[in-house]
Amino acid sequence: MPRPKTEGVSLSFAFLSLAGALASAGCSAAPDAPGDPLEEAGQSAEALETAASPHAVGFDLVKAQNLIHGIAGDDRFVFVTEPLTGRVTVHSRVTGRQIAELPPPPGGFLLPFTLRVPERGRLVVLDPGGFPNPAAGVIARVYDYDYDFDARTRSFRATLARTVRFDGLPVGFSEDVEVLDDGSYVLTDSVIGAIWLIEPDGAIRPGLLPSSFEFGQGLPFLEPCILGTVTVDGIPLDLGGGYAPGAGSVAASGGYVYWGGFCHGGIHRISLSTLRDSSRSAEERAQEIEVVTESAPGSPQLFKGLTFNRFDPNDRRLYATDCFHGGLVRIDVETGQSQTLISDSVLFDFPVSAHFLPPLGLQTLMIASDQEHRFDALNAAIDHDMFRPPFRAAEVLLFD
């Protein structure tokens, strides 16, 4: 993919904005311990990978040698999952350097995948329990952690507050979790093609669960399917026999749950009231699924990293990562119109997760890329890993 041009905005203006934002972040007082090491300047002298457009500027805040996937954060910390090493790392919001590792639950993480920080001091970790395994099955887990910064020892600390396990429940692969305003959680299953609800007390109940788990007998716009090979940045992508997962990344706002998926492309949604309606079958309620935006014919599209900007109540648009085209898009959920805000095939190398951070001047979000089209264990079209280390988590500053 060619490097994007910055039409309508000069590189000098974009990077002056970037420098100003970094300077203001570095000079801001720490909420818990003014002058603590988290606020020190000093990201390594290694050159930043950057990208700019008329709408945004981005740079790689976190660079890891291990594959990363999920990302979340607040005004102090950025959290990153390393699924293959079973770790969740903790980084300084300002410098990007790793300062800690989240203490694992009893027995350790199996596949820490996606993250949410619904409020400062609370971290939600989704662990699907492993990659899909029809022979043995997997047990999804959702962990809630309380965390803070110890001003006396100047160190990060976290404790496991709650574990919700899906033992004995039909879950193929839980791809994402979202936290709703009332404290309940929404979890998607991309293999069965389902949506689950976790109530504030930890009780689990189906939101949309098909009555048949036979392939091709699932719910519309949620189930997986068979598609042709997709080319991403010049690399063919085949998840095995043309298999394309169903409901994946999820976000919620304005009384609706939104999701994207490989099989159907685009974005779909359903009202929370319909999702919670236990008086009708899943098949009946699935007829109320709405298409927000769909892929253009002959142009496969995969949106992940779905997120709304909860720090700007006037911004009701949906933000999503464009996995196949390496960028960030913004979608008007009422008209379906989408706008590419920034793209770059290096900084956003199959971007899969996004999370808004409390703004330090400009509206800010983090985007993690896992290069999964370069991973031979997932991509049947290649016979060896084609990774381009490091794996990058980019900070993106929005101009509009």
Foldseek 3Di string as FASTA:
>chain_A
DDADDAPPDDPVVQVVVVVVQLVLLLPDADPPAGPFPLSDEDQDPPDWDWFDYPWWIKTFQAWAAAFWAAWEDASFWIWIDRFVVQWIFIAGPNRSDTAGTADADVVGANGFHYWYDPDPQKIKTKGQQDAFDPVPGGKIKIWIKGWDADNVVRGIDIDTDDMAIRPPHDAGGWAEKEADPQGKIWIAGFAQQFIWIQDNVRDIDGLQGAPDSDQPRHFPQRAKDADDWDAAPNFTFDQPNRIWTGWHAWYDDDQKIKTWTQRFGAIKIAGPVLSPDPVDHSNVSSVRIGGQAGDDPPGGWTWAQWDDQPLDPVGPWIWTATQRFAFIKTADSVNRDIDTSIGDCPQRVRWHHKYWYNRSPFTKMKIWHRNVSQPVVRGVRDDHGPDDGTGGIMMMGTPD
